[in-house]
PDB file of all heavy atoms in Angstrom:
ATOM      1  N   LEU A   1    -127.328  27.366-118.717  1.00  0.00           N
ATOM      2  CA  LEU A   1    -127.138  28.129-117.488  1.00  0.00           C
ATOM      3  C   LEU A   1    -127.556  29.561-117.754  1.00  0.00           C
ATOM      4  O   LEU A   1    -127.139  30.165-118.762  1.00  0.00           O
ATOM      5  CB  LEU A   1    -125.679  28.084-117.048  1.00  0.00           C
ATOM      6  CG  LEU A   1    -125.321  28.899-115.795  1.00  0.00           C
ATOM      7  CD1 LEU A   1    -125.936  28.260-114.547  1.00  0.00           C
ATOM      8  CD2 LEU A   1    -123.809  29.011-115.625  1.00  0.00           C
ATOM      9  N   ALA A   2    -128.361  30.136-116.865  1.00  0.00           N
ATOM     10  CA  ALA A   2    -128.706  31.564-116.940  1.00  0.00           C
ATOM     11  C   ALA A   2    -127.687  32.348-116.126  1.00  0.00           C
ATOM     12  O   ALA A   2    -127.176  31.862-115.101  1.00  0.00           O
ATOM     13  CB  ALA A   2    -130.103  31.804-116.408  1.00  0.00           C
ATOM     14  N   VAL A   3    -127.388  33.554-116.574  1.00  0.00           N
ATOM     15  CA  VAL A   3    -126.389  34.388-115.909  1.00  0.00           C
ATOM     16  C   VAL A   3    -126.991  35.758-115.613  1.00  0.00           C
ATOM     17  O   VAL A   3    -127.612  36.392-116.469  1.00  0.00           O
ATOM     18  CB  VAL A   3    -125.130  34.559-116.794  1.00  0.00           C
ATOM     19  CG1 VAL A   3    -124.152  35.561-116.162  1.00  0.00           C
ATOM     20  CG2 VAL A   3    -124.449  33.221-117.021  1.00  0.00           C
ATOM     21  N   VAL A   4    -126.814  36.205-114.367  1.00  0.00           N
ATOM     22  CA  VAL A   4    -127.099  37.580-113.956  1.00  0.00           C
ATOM     23  C   VAL A   4    -125.784  38.120-113.434  1.00  0.00           C
ATOM     24  O   VAL A   4    -125.240  37.605-112.455  1.00  0.00           O
ATOM     25  CB  VAL A   4    -128.173  37.622-112.852  1.00  0.00           C
ATOM     26  CG1 VAL A   4    -128.375  39.063-112.373  1.00  0.00           C
ATOM     27  CG2 VAL A   4    -129.488  37.037-113.333  1.00  0.00           C
ATOM     28  N   ALA A   5    -125.239  39.143-114.101  1.00  0.00           N
ATOM     29  CA  ALA A   5    -123.883  39.586-113.768  1.00  0.00           C
ATOM     30  C   ALA A   5    -123.801  41.105-113.707  1.00  0.00           C
ATOM     31  O   ALA A   5    -124.387  41.809-114.540  1.00  0.00           O
ATOM     32  CB  ALA A   5    -122.895  39.059-114.825  1.00  0.00           C
ATOM     33  N   SER A   6    -123.078  41.599-112.721  1.00  0.00           N
ATOM     34  CA  SER A   6    -122.781  43.037-112.655  1.00  0.00           C
ATOM     35  C   SER A   6    -121.859  43.419-113.804  1.00  0.00           C
ATOM     36  O   SER A   6    -121.001  42.630-114.213  1.00  0.00           O
ATOM     37  CB  SER A   6    -122.099  43.387-111.332  1.00  0.00           C
ATOM     38  OG  SER A   6    -122.794  42.851-110.232  1.00  0.00           O
ATOM     39  N   ASP A   7    -121.990  44.644-114.298  1.00  0.00           N
ATOM     40  CA  ASP A   7    -121.039  45.178-115.260  1.00  0.00           C
ATOM     41  C   ASP A   7    -120.634  46.581-114.825  1.00  0.00           C
ATOM     42  O   ASP A   7    -121.345  47.552-115.072  1.00  0.00           O
ATOM     43  CB  ASP A   7    -121.648  45.213-116.675  1.00  0.00           C
ATOM     44  CG  ASP A   7    -120.615  45.611-117.724  1.00  0.00           C
ATOM     45  OD1 ASP A   7    -119.465  45.925-117.347  1.00  0.00           O
ATOM     46  OD2 ASP A   7    -120.950  45.600-118.922  1.00  0.00           O
ATOM     47  N   SER A   8    -119.502  46.668-114.143  1.00  0.00           N
ATOM     48  CA  SER A   8    -119.076  47.961-113.597  1.00  0.00           C
ATOM     49  C   SER A   8    -118.517  48.897-114.658  1.00  0.00           C
ATOM     50  O   SER A   8    -118.149  50.019-114.346  1.00  0.00           O
ATOM     51  CB  SER A   8    -118.046  47.748-112.478  1.00  0.00           C
ATOM     52  OG  SER A   8    -116.946  47.000-112.941  1.00  0.00           O
ATOM     53  N   THR A   9    -118.445  48.448-115.934  1.00  0.00           N
ATOM     54  CA  THR A   9    -118.078  49.378-117.017  1.00  0.00           C
ATOM     55  C   THR A   9    -119.261  50.274-117.369  1.00  0.00           C
ATOM     56  O   THR A   9    -119.099  51.244-118.107  1.00  0.00           O
ATOM     57  CB  THR A   9    -117.617  48.627-118.269  1.00  0.00           C
ATOM     58  OG1 THR A   9    -118.710  47.943-118.861  1.00  0.00           O
ATOM     59  CG2 THR A   9    -116.496  47.636-117.960  1.00  0.00           C
ATOM     60  N   VAL A  10    -120.457  49.951-116.874  1.00  0.00           N
ATOM     61  CA  VAL A  10    -121.656  50.767-117.120  1.00  0.00           C
ATOM     62  C   VAL A  10    -122.174  51.268-115.778  1.00  0.00           C
ATOM     63  O   VAL A  10    -122.535  50.488-114.891  1.00  0.00           O
ATOM     64  CB  VAL A  10    -122.754  49.932-117.819  1.00  0.00           C
ATOM     65  CG1 VAL A  10    -124.003  50.793-118.061  1.00  0.00           C
ATOM     66  CG2 VAL A  10    -122.253  49.340-119.125  1.00  0.00           C
ATOM     67  N   ARG A  11    -122.128  52.569-115.578  1.00  0.00           N
ATOM     68  CA  ARG A  11    -122.646  53.217-114.375  1.00  0.00           C
ATOM     69  C   ARG A  11    -122.084  52.568-113.090  1.00  0.00           C
ATOM     70  O   ARG A  11    -122.730  52.522-112.054  1.00  0.00           O
ATOM     71  CB  ARG A  11    -124.177  53.226-114.347  1.00  0.00           C
ATOM     72  CG  ARG A  11    -124.776  54.037-115.498  1.00  0.00           C
ATOM     73  CD  ARG A  11    -126.191  54.486-115.209  1.00  0.00           C
ATOM     74  NE  ARG A  11    -127.166  53.415-115.287  1.00  0.00           N
ATOM     75  CZ  ARG A  11    -128.493  53.615-115.259  1.00  0.00           C
ATOM     76  NH1 ARG A  11    -128.974  54.843-115.120  1.00  0.00           N
ATOM     77  NH2 ARG A  11    -129.328  52.603-115.340  1.00  0.00           N
ATOM     78  N   GLY A  12    -120.845  52.042-113.215  1.00  0.00           N
ATOM     79  CA  GLY A  12    -120.164  51.524-112.044  1.00  0.00           C
ATOM     80  C   GLY A  12    -120.746  50.243-111.479  1.00  0.00           C
ATOM     81  O   GLY A  12    -120.348  49.800-110.399  1.00  0.00           O
ATOM     82  N   GLY A  13    -121.699  49.626-112.191  1.00  0.00           N
ATOM     83  CA  GLY A  13    -122.347  48.447-111.660  1.00  0.00           C
ATOM     84  C   GLY A  13    -123.347  48.737-110.549  1.00  0.00           C
ATOM     85  O   GLY A  13    -123.831  47.829-109.873  1.00  0.00           O
ATOM     86  N   VAL A  14    -123.693  50.023-110.390  1.00  0.00           N
ATOM     87  CA  VAL A  14    -124.659  50.440-109.365  1.00  0.00           C
ATOM     88  C   VAL A  14    -126.059  50.019-109.803  1.00  0.00           C
ATOM     89  O   VAL A  14    -126.391  50.025-110.983  1.00  0.00           O
ATOM     90  CB  VAL A  14    -124.580  51.969-109.148  1.00  0.00           C
ATOM     91  CG1 VAL A  14    -125.620  52.432-108.141  1.00  0.00           C
ATOM     92  CG2 VAL A  14    -123.176  52.353-108.680  1.00  0.00           C
ATOM     93  N   LEU A  15    -126.910  49.674-108.835  1.00  0.00           N
ATOM     94  CA  LEU A  15    -128.264  49.205-109.119  1.00  0.00           C
ATOM     95  C   LEU A  15    -129.253  50.355-109.037  1.00  0.00           C
ATOM     96  O   LEU A  15    -129.380  51.031-108.010  1.00  0.00           O
ATOM     97  CB  LEU A  15    -128.645  48.125-108.111  1.00  0.00           C
ATOM     98  CG  LEU A  15    -127.717  46.904-108.083  1.00  0.00           C
ATOM     99  CD1 LEU A  15    -127.989  46.050-106.858  1.00  0.00           C
ATOM    100  CD2 LEU A  15    -127.869  46.093-109.354  1.00  0.00           C
ATOM    101  N   PHE A  16    -129.995  50.562-110.122  1.00  0.00           N
ATOM    102  CA  PHE A  16    -131.033  51.580-110.220  1.00  0.00           C
ATOM    103  C   PHE A  16    -132.400  50.914-110.259  1.00  0.00           C
ATOM    104  O   PHE A  16    -132.490  49.685-110.385  1.00  0.00           O
ATOM    105  CB  PHE A  16    -130.815  52.413-111.499  1.00  0.00           C
ATOM    106  CG  PHE A  16    -129.583  53.291-111.475  1.00  0.00           C
ATOM    107  CD1 PHE A  16    -128.320  52.750-111.700  1.00  0.00           C
ATOM    108  CD2 PHE A  16    -129.694  54.648-111.231  1.00  0.00           C
ATOM    109  CE1 PHE A  16    -127.192  53.546-111.672  1.00  0.00           C
ATOM    110  CE2 PHE A  16    -128.564  55.456-111.211  1.00  0.00           C
ATOM    111  CZ  PHE A  16    -127.313  54.905-111.430  1.00  0.00           C
ATOM    112  N   PRO A  17    -133.495  51.655-110.175  1.00  0.00           N
ATOM    113  CA  PRO A  17    -134.817  51.025-110.262  1.00  0.00           C
ATOM    114  C   PRO A  17    -134.986  50.191-111.522  1.00  0.00           C
ATOM    115  O   PRO A  17    -135.511  49.063-111.465  1.00  0.00           O
ATOM    116  CB  PRO A  17    -135.789  52.217-110.220  1.00  0.00           C
ATOM    117  CG  PRO A  17    -135.054  53.266-109.476  1.00  0.00           C
ATOM    118  CD  PRO A  17    -133.621  53.103-109.863  1.00  0.00           C
ATOM    119  N   GLU A  18    -134.548  50.716-112.666  1.00  0.00           N
ATOM    120  CA  GLU A  18    -134.705  49.957-113.907  1.00  0.00           C
ATOM    121  C   GLU A  18    -133.817  48.717-113.942  1.00  0.00           C
ATOM    122  O   GLU A  18    -134.156  47.710-114.569  1.00  0.00           O
ATOM    123  CB  GLU A  18    -134.426  50.853-115.123  1.00  0.00           C
ATOM    124  CG  GLU A  18    -133.057  51.486-115.173  1.00  0.00           C
ATOM    125  CD  GLU A  18    -132.969  52.840-114.507  1.00  0.00           C
ATOM    126  OE1 GLU A  18    -133.777  53.102-113.578  1.00  0.00           O
ATOM    127  OE2 GLU A  18    -132.096  53.632-114.878  1.00  0.00           O
ATOM    128  N   THR A  19    -132.673  48.781-113.244  1.00  0.00           N
ATOM    129  CA  THR A  19    -131.818  47.596-113.133  1.00  0.00           C
ATOM    130  C   THR A  19    -132.564  46.494-112.382  1.00  0.00           C
ATOM    131  O   THR A  19    -132.562  45.330-112.801  1.00  0.00           O
ATOM    132  CB  THR A  19    -130.526  47.909-112.357  1.00  0.00           C
ATOM    133  OG1 THR A  19    -130.132  49.253-112.576  1.00  0.00           O
ATOM    134  CG2 THR A  19    -129.426  46.957-112.731  1.00  0.00           C
ATOM    135  N   CYS A  20    -133.188  46.877-111.293  1.00  0.00           N
ATOM    136  CA  CYS A  20    -133.918  45.888-110.487  1.00  0.00           C
ATOM    137  C   CYS A  20    -135.054  45.266-111.282  1.00  0.00           C
ATOM    138  O   CYS A  20    -135.273  44.061-111.233  1.00  0.00           O
ATOM    139  CB  CYS A  20    -134.489  46.568-109.232  1.00  0.00           C
ATOM    140  SG  CYS A  20    -133.241  47.230-108.122  1.00  0.00           S
ATOM    141  N   ARG A  21    -135.768  46.099-112.056  1.00  0.00           N
ATOM    142  CA  ARG A  21    -136.896  45.569-112.815  1.00  0.00           C
ATOM    143  C   ARG A  21    -136.417  44.616-113.917  1.00  0.00           C
ATOM    144  O   ARG A  21    -137.063  43.592-114.197  1.00  0.00           O
ATOM    145  CB  ARG A  21    -137.735  46.714-113.384  1.00  0.00           C
ATOM    146  CG  ARG A  21    -138.546  47.435-112.295  1.00  0.00           C
ATOM    147  CD  ARG A  21    -139.513  48.438-112.868  1.00  0.00           C
ATOM    148  NE  ARG A  21    -138.884  49.719-113.101  1.00  0.00           N
ATOM    149  CZ  ARG A  21    -138.845  50.715-112.223  1.00  0.00           C
ATOM    150  NH1 ARG A  21    -139.397  50.570-111.018  1.00  0.00           N
ATOM    151  NH2 ARG A  21    -138.272  51.878-112.516  1.00  0.00           N
ATOM    152  N   LYS A  22    -135.308  44.961-114.562  1.00  0.00           N
ATOM    153  CA  LYS A  22    -134.744  44.064-115.567  1.00  0.00           C
ATOM    154  C   LYS A  22    -134.358  42.722-114.940  1.00  0.00           C
ATOM    155  O   LYS A  22    -134.666  41.657-115.489  1.00  0.00           O
ATOM    156  CB  LYS A  22    -133.515  44.721-116.201  1.00  0.00           C
ATOM    157  CG  LYS A  22    -132.718  43.821-117.131  1.00  0.00           C
ATOM    158  CD  LYS A  22    -131.478  44.548-117.671  1.00  0.00           C
ATOM    159  CE  LYS A  22    -130.615  43.641-118.536  1.00  0.00           C
ATOM    160  NZ  LYS A  22    -129.446  44.368-119.087  1.00  0.00           N
ATOM    161  N   MET A  23    -133.697  42.756-113.801  1.00  0.00           N
ATOM    162  CA  MET A  23    -133.270  41.537-113.130  1.00  0.00           C
ATOM    163  C   MET A  23    -134.469  40.706-112.673  1.00  0.00           C
ATOM    164  O   MET A  23    -134.504  39.483-112.828  1.00  0.00           O
ATOM    165  CB  MET A  23    -132.379  41.884-111.940  1.00  0.00           C
ATOM    166  CG  MET A  23    -131.055  42.527-112.318  1.00  0.00           C
ATOM    167  SD  MET A  23    -130.195  43.273-110.896  1.00  0.00           S
ATOM    168  CE  MET A  23    -129.735  41.795-109.987  1.00  0.00           C
ATOM    169  N   THR A  24    -135.476  41.387-112.120  1.00  0.00           N
ATOM    170  CA  THR A  24    -136.665  40.696-111.635  1.00  0.00           C
ATOM    171  C   THR A  24    -137.368  39.950-112.758  1.00  0.00           C
ATOM    172  O   THR A  24    -137.749  38.772-112.598  1.00  0.00           O
ATOM    173  CB  THR A  24    -137.635  41.702-111.001  1.00  0.00           C
ATOM    174  OG1 THR A  24    -137.001  42.319-109.867  1.00  0.00           O
ATOM    175  CG2 THR A  24    -138.920  41.052-110.558  1.00  0.00           C
ATOM    176  N   ARG A  25    -137.529  40.593-113.883  1.00  0.00           N
ATOM    177  CA  ARG A  25    -138.196  39.952-115.021  1.00  0.00           C
ATOM    178  C   ARG A  25    -137.439  38.705-115.473  1.00  0.00           C
ATOM    179  O   ARG A  25    -138.028  37.653-115.735  1.00  0.00           O
ATOM    180  CB  ARG A  25    -138.305  40.968-116.172  1.00  0.00           C
ATOM    181  CG  ARG A  25    -139.009  40.477-117.416  1.00  0.00           C
ATOM    182  CD  ARG A  25    -138.930  41.547-118.477  1.00  0.00           C
ATOM    183  NE  ARG A  25    -139.602  41.170-119.708  1.00  0.00           N
ATOM    184  CZ  ARG A  25    -139.456  41.832-120.852  1.00  0.00           C
ATOM    185  NH1 ARG A  25    -138.688  42.921-120.912  1.00  0.00           N
ATOM    186  NH2 ARG A  25    -140.085  41.432-121.952  1.00  0.00           N
ATOM    187  N   PHE A  26    -136.122  38.805-115.543  1.00  0.00           N
ATOM    188  CA  PHE A  26    -135.314  37.682-116.010  1.00  0.00           C
ATOM    189  C   PHE A  26    -135.322  36.543-114.995  1.00  0.00           C
ATOM    190  O   PHE A  26    -135.450  35.366-115.366  1.00  0.00           O
ATOM    191  CB  PHE A  26    -133.879  38.165-116.248  1.00  0.00           C
ATOM    192  CG  PHE A  26    -132.965  37.108-116.830  1.00  0.00           C
ATOM    193  CD1 PHE A  26    -133.098  36.700-118.136  1.00  0.00           C
ATOM    194  CD2 PHE A  26    -131.980  36.527-116.034  1.00  0.00           C
ATOM    195  CE1 PHE A  26    -132.253  35.714-118.661  1.00  0.00           C
ATOM    196  CE2 PHE A  26    -131.139  35.547-116.545  1.00  0.00           C
ATOM    197  CZ  PHE A  26    -131.289  35.141-117.870  1.00  0.00           C
ATOM    198  N   ILE A  27    -135.220  36.873-113.716  1.00  0.00           N
ATOM    199  CA  ILE A  27    -135.200  35.826-112.688  1.00  0.00           C
ATOM    200  C   ILE A  27    -136.536  35.088-112.641  1.00  0.00           C
ATOM    201  O   ILE A  27    -136.597  33.872-112.471  1.00  0.00           O
ATOM    202  CB  ILE A  27    -134.850  36.453-111.331  1.00  0.00           C
ATOM    203  CG1 ILE A  27    -133.375  36.912-111.340  1.00  0.00           C
ATOM    204  CG2 ILE A  27    -135.104  35.497-110.172  1.00  0.00           C
ATOM    205  CD1 ILE A  27    -133.038  37.905-110.271  1.00  0.00           C
ATOM    206  N   ARG A  28    -137.633  35.826-112.821  1.00  0.00           N
ATOM    207  CA  ARG A  28    -138.936  35.179-112.843  1.00  0.00           C
ATOM    208  C   ARG A  28    -139.085  34.261-114.058  1.00  0.00           C
ATOM    209  O   ARG A  28    -139.677  33.186-113.953  1.00  0.00           O
ATOM    210  CB  ARG A  28    -140.048  36.230-112.820  1.00  0.00           C
ATOM    211  CG  ARG A  28    -140.204  36.863-111.430  1.00  0.00           C
ATOM    212  CD  ARG A  28    -141.259  37.937-111.385  1.00  0.00           C
ATOM    213  NE  ARG A  28    -141.467  38.386-110.010  1.00  0.00           N
ATOM    214  CZ  ARG A  28    -142.013  39.547-109.672  1.00  0.00           C
ATOM    215  NH1 ARG A  28    -142.411  40.402-110.610  1.00  0.00           N
ATOM    216  NH2 ARG A  28    -142.171  39.879-108.410  1.00  0.00           N
ATOM    217  N   LEU A  29    -138.558  34.678-115.190  1.00  0.00           N
ATOM    218  CA  LEU A  29    -138.571  33.803-116.365  1.00  0.00           C
ATOM    219  C   LEU A  29    -137.815  32.521-116.064  1.00  0.00           C
ATOM    220  O   LEU A  29    -138.327  31.412-116.318  1.00  0.00           O
ATOM    221  CB  LEU A  29    -137.929  34.525-117.562  1.00  0.00           C
ATOM    222  CG  LEU A  29    -137.506  33.640-118.748  1.00  0.00           C
ATOM    223  CD1 LEU A  29    -138.712  32.924-119.343  1.00  0.00           C
ATOM    224  CD2 LEU A  29    -136.772  34.467-119.792  1.00  0.00           C
ATOM    225  N   CYS A  30    -136.631  32.619-115.513  1.00  0.00           N
ATOM    226  CA  CYS A  30    -135.845  31.420-115.211  1.00  0.00           C
ATOM    227  C   CYS A  30    -136.569  30.537-114.213  1.00  0.00           C
ATOM    228  O   CYS A  30    -136.568  29.301-114.325  1.00  0.00           O
ATOM    229  CB  CYS A  30    -134.477  31.818-114.667  1.00  0.00           C
ATOM    230  SG  CYS A  30    -133.446  32.715-115.873  1.00  0.00           S
ATOM    231  N   GLY A  31    -137.235  31.170-113.237  1.00  0.00           N
ATOM    232  CA  GLY A  31    -137.939  30.407-112.226  1.00  0.00           C
ATOM    233  C   GLY A  31    -139.117  29.619-112.772  1.00  0.00           C
ATOM    234  O   GLY A  31    -139.479  28.572-112.213  1.00  0.00           O
ATOM    235  N   GLN A  32    -139.728  30.091-113.861  1.00  0.00           N
ATOM    236  CA  GLN A  32    -140.862  29.374-114.441  1.00  0.00           C
ATOM    237  C   GLN A  32    -140.477  27.956-114.860  1.00  0.00           C
ATOM    238  O   GLN A  32    -141.324  27.059-114.864  1.00  0.00           O
ATOM    239  CB  GLN A  32    -141.389  30.136-115.657  1.00  0.00           C
ATOM    240  CG  GLN A  32    -142.084  31.436-115.326  1.00  0.00           C
ATOM    241  CD  GLN A  32    -142.388  32.249-116.562  1.00  0.00           C
ATOM    242  OE1 GLN A  32    -142.485  31.715-117.669  1.00  0.00           O
ATOM    243  NE2 GLN A  32    -142.554  33.547-116.399  1.00  0.00           N
ATOM    244  N   PHE A  33    -139.218  27.772-115.222  1.00  0.00           N
ATOM    245  CA  PHE A  33    -138.751  26.468-115.708  1.00  0.00           C
ATOM    246  C   PHE A  33    -137.613  25.917-114.854  1.00  0.00           C
ATOM    247  O   PHE A  33    -136.997  24.913-115.217  1.00  0.00           O
ATOM    248  CB  PHE A  33    -138.331  26.576-117.178  1.00  0.00           C
ATOM    249  CG  PHE A  33    -139.433  27.095-118.070  1.00  0.00           C
ATOM    250  CD1 PHE A  33    -139.498  28.427-118.404  1.00  0.00           C
ATOM    251  CD2 PHE A  33    -140.417  26.247-118.510  1.00  0.00           C
ATOM    252  CE1 PHE A  33    -140.519  28.924-119.197  1.00  0.00           C
ATOM    253  CE2 PHE A  33    -141.458  26.708-119.306  1.00  0.00           C
ATOM    254  CZ  PHE A  33    -141.512  28.056-119.655  1.00  0.00           C
TER     255      PHE A  33
END
């Protein structure tokens, strides 16, 4: 199982541009398979 999870102990769990790019890359990897 792949997990994408908020962590509000870091910057309150707020989404920044680099957060989005990290999530996008991981989600696309999971989608390949």
